[in-house]
Amino acid sequence: MKKMIVAALAALFLASCVETQSYDGSYRGPEPIPGSITYGGQPRTKLRKAPIGSTLHNNFYGPYGERIEETYVVMPDRSLKLVARRRGFIGFPYD
């Protein structure tokens, strides 16, 4: 019985570690959600003074009250690429 519980917990842990990939097999990062800077496309203004490759963070609350912190990288064409997202519920730490 203990082995079954350990196996079930291990399977659950491994299933939660899956990264999203596109159909061609390349990793594109997380998809924008409502509240993201790039949700609905790139912002109209470009970051002219930000160094290429620099990172910036966006903090907001999601639809269920969870805290969300996103990390973006400034690309060579001055667009933003979403590279990481962390979630945490009110009163609880991030994932």
Foldseek 3Di string as FASTA:
>chain_A
DVVVVVVVVVVVVVVVPDADADPVGDHQADDDDPQDCQVVHWDPDFDPPDDAQDKDWGWDADPVQKIKIWIWGQHPVRTIGTHDMWIGHVPGDTD
